[in-house]
Amino acid sequence: MEESERVQKILKIVEMLNTVIGSNLDPFKVDVKEHVLKLKELLPDLKDLDEILMDAEALRLLARIVELQEKWVRYQASSLYVNPLLVELKIVTSSPEKLAETFARSWHPIVKIEQLT
């Protein structure tokens, strides 16, 4: 593989990663494993320092993408978590009528029995 072809492949990866990082796109759109495998495939053919530095830059950007993915997962996980003490406080401070209304709105029985009289 020619030097210019190797450089072009690495530059393409770097530009794409910079675009994702710079424009706040979904970091999960990046197939990190695929790009790592591409860089791994190119690594034995890298000859001069500039190529190796570009490869290192691509790896750094991939690590940044993984960091952004981690932040997104942490944010989503924290937004799903509800403190049990807050739930208990809400129940204790609610009136029986409000609790009954909330229960009735959220209750969805799986079987319906009709009575004929």
Protein backbone atom coordinates (compact mmCIF):
# COMPACT_ATOMS: atom_id res chain seq x y z
CA MET A 1 0.00 0.00 0.00
CA GLU A 2 1.35 3.41 -0.95
CA GLU A 3 2.16 6.06 1.60
CA SER A 4 -0.42 8.49 0.21
CA GLU A 5 -3.13 5.82 0.38
CA ARG A 6 -2.31 5.05 4.02
CA VAL A 7 -2.28 8.74 4.86
CA GLN A 8 -5.62 9.25 3.10
CA LYS A 9 -7.25 6.43 5.06
CA ILE A 10 -6.01 7.79 8.38
CA LEU A 11 -6.99 11.36 7.46
CA LYS A 12 -10.47 10.19 6.53
CA ILE A 13 -10.89 8.57 9.95
CA VAL A 14 -9.51 11.66 11.74
CA GLU A 15 -11.79 14.04 9.83
CA MET A 16 -14.86 11.94 10.51
CA LEU A 17 -14.06 11.70 14.22
CA ASN A 18 -13.41 15.44 14.45
CA THR A 19 -16.77 16.06 12.79
CA VAL A 20 -18.60 13.88 15.31
CA ILE A 21 -16.80 15.44 18.27
CA GLY A 22 -17.07 19.01 17.01
CA SER A 23 -20.72 19.02 16.05
CA ASN A 24 -22.14 17.10 19.02
CA LEU A 25 -23.43 14.28 16.83
CA ASP A 26 -24.44 10.98 18.38
CA PRO A 27 -21.16 9.29 19.41
CA PHE A 28 -22.81 5.89 19.01
CA LYS A 29 -22.98 6.43 15.25
CA VAL A 30 -19.22 5.78 15.20
CA ASP A 31 -18.23 2.13 14.93
CA VAL A 32 -15.19 2.33 17.19
CA LYS A 33 -14.24 -1.31 16.75
CA GLU A 34 -14.25 -1.01 12.96
CA HIS A 35 -11.95 2.02 13.04
CA VAL A 36 -9.58 0.41 15.52
CA LEU A 37 -9.33 -2.62 13.26
CA LYS A 38 -8.62 -0.38 10.25
CA LEU A 39 -5.86 1.40 12.16
CA LYS A 40 -4.48 -1.93 13.37
CA GLU A 41 -4.36 -3.14 9.78
CA LEU A 42 -2.48 -0.01 8.69
CA LEU A 43 -0.02 0.03 11.61
CA PRO A 44 2.58 -2.45 10.27
CA ASP A 45 2.87 -0.45 7.03
CA LEU A 46 3.47 2.92 8.68
CA LYS A 47 6.97 4.06 7.83
CA ASP A 48 7.67 7.62 8.89
CA LEU A 49 6.98 9.62 12.02
CA ASP A 50 4.20 11.71 10.46
CA GLU A 51 2.17 8.61 9.64
CA ILE A 52 2.65 7.23 13.15
CA LEU A 53 1.62 10.56 14.67
CA MET A 54 -1.53 10.65 12.54
CA ASP A 55 -2.32 7.11 13.66
CA ALA A 56 -1.84 8.17 17.29
CA GLU A 57 -4.14 11.16 16.72
CA ALA A 58 -6.81 8.87 15.29
CA LEU A 59 -6.52 6.62 18.35
CA ARG A 60 -6.78 9.65 20.65
CA LEU A 61 -9.95 10.75 18.89
CA LEU A 62 -11.40 7.25 19.13
CA ALA A 63 -10.73 7.35 22.86
CA ARG A 64 -12.56 10.69 22.99
CA ILE A 65 -15.54 9.11 21.21
CA VAL A 66 -15.60 6.32 23.80
CA GLU A 67 -15.48 8.98 26.52
CA LEU A 68 -18.47 10.76 24.95
CA GLN A 69 -20.33 7.45 24.78
CA GLU A 70 -19.61 6.87 28.46
CA LYS A 71 -20.87 10.34 29.40
CA TRP A 72 -24.07 9.76 27.42
CA VAL A 73 -24.68 6.40 29.14
CA ARG A 74 -24.00 7.88 32.58
CA TYR A 75 -26.40 10.76 31.90
CA GLN A 76 -29.14 8.43 30.68
CA ALA A 77 -28.66 6.09 33.63
CA SER A 78 -28.80 8.93 36.14
CA SER A 79 -31.96 10.35 34.61
CA LEU A 80 -33.69 6.98 35.01
CA TYR A 81 -32.72 6.67 38.66
CA VAL A 82 -35.26 7.88 41.21
CA ASN A 83 -34.20 8.30 44.80
CA PRO A 84 -36.34 5.98 46.96
CA LEU A 85 -36.48 8.56 49.74
CA LEU A 86 -38.02 11.09 47.38
CA VAL A 87 -40.65 8.55 46.32
CA GLU A 88 -41.44 7.75 49.94
CA LEU A 89 -41.71 11.45 50.79
CA LYS A 90 -44.06 12.01 47.85
CA ILE A 91 -46.29 9.13 49.00
CA VAL A 92 -46.34 10.25 52.63
CA THR A 93 -47.22 13.84 51.75
CA SER A 94 -49.95 12.93 49.25
CA SER A 95 -53.57 12.76 50.29
CA PRO A 96 -55.40 9.42 50.19
CA GLU A 97 -57.60 10.78 47.39
CA LYS A 98 -54.56 11.73 45.31
CA LEU A 99 -52.99 8.31 45.92
CA ALA A 100 -56.22 6.56 44.90
CA GLU A 101 -56.48 8.68 41.76
CA THR A 102 -52.87 7.98 40.81
CA PHE A 103 -53.34 4.28 41.41
CA ALA A 104 -56.52 4.20 39.33
CA ARG A 105 -54.81 5.99 36.42
CA SER A 106 -51.81 3.67 36.46
CA TRP A 107 -53.68 0.42 37.05
CA HIS A 108 -54.03 -1.73 33.96
CA PRO A 109 -55.43 -5.14 34.85
CA ILE A 110 -54.56 -7.92 32.45
CA VAL A 111 -57.92 -9.65 32.85
CA LYS A 112 -61.33 -8.05 32.75
CA ILE A 113 -64.25 -9.74 34.42
CA GLU A 114 -67.73 -8.62 33.57
CA GLN A 115 -70.58 -9.44 35.88
CA LEU A 116 -74.00 -10.13 34.50
CA THR A 117 -76.92 -9.56 36.83
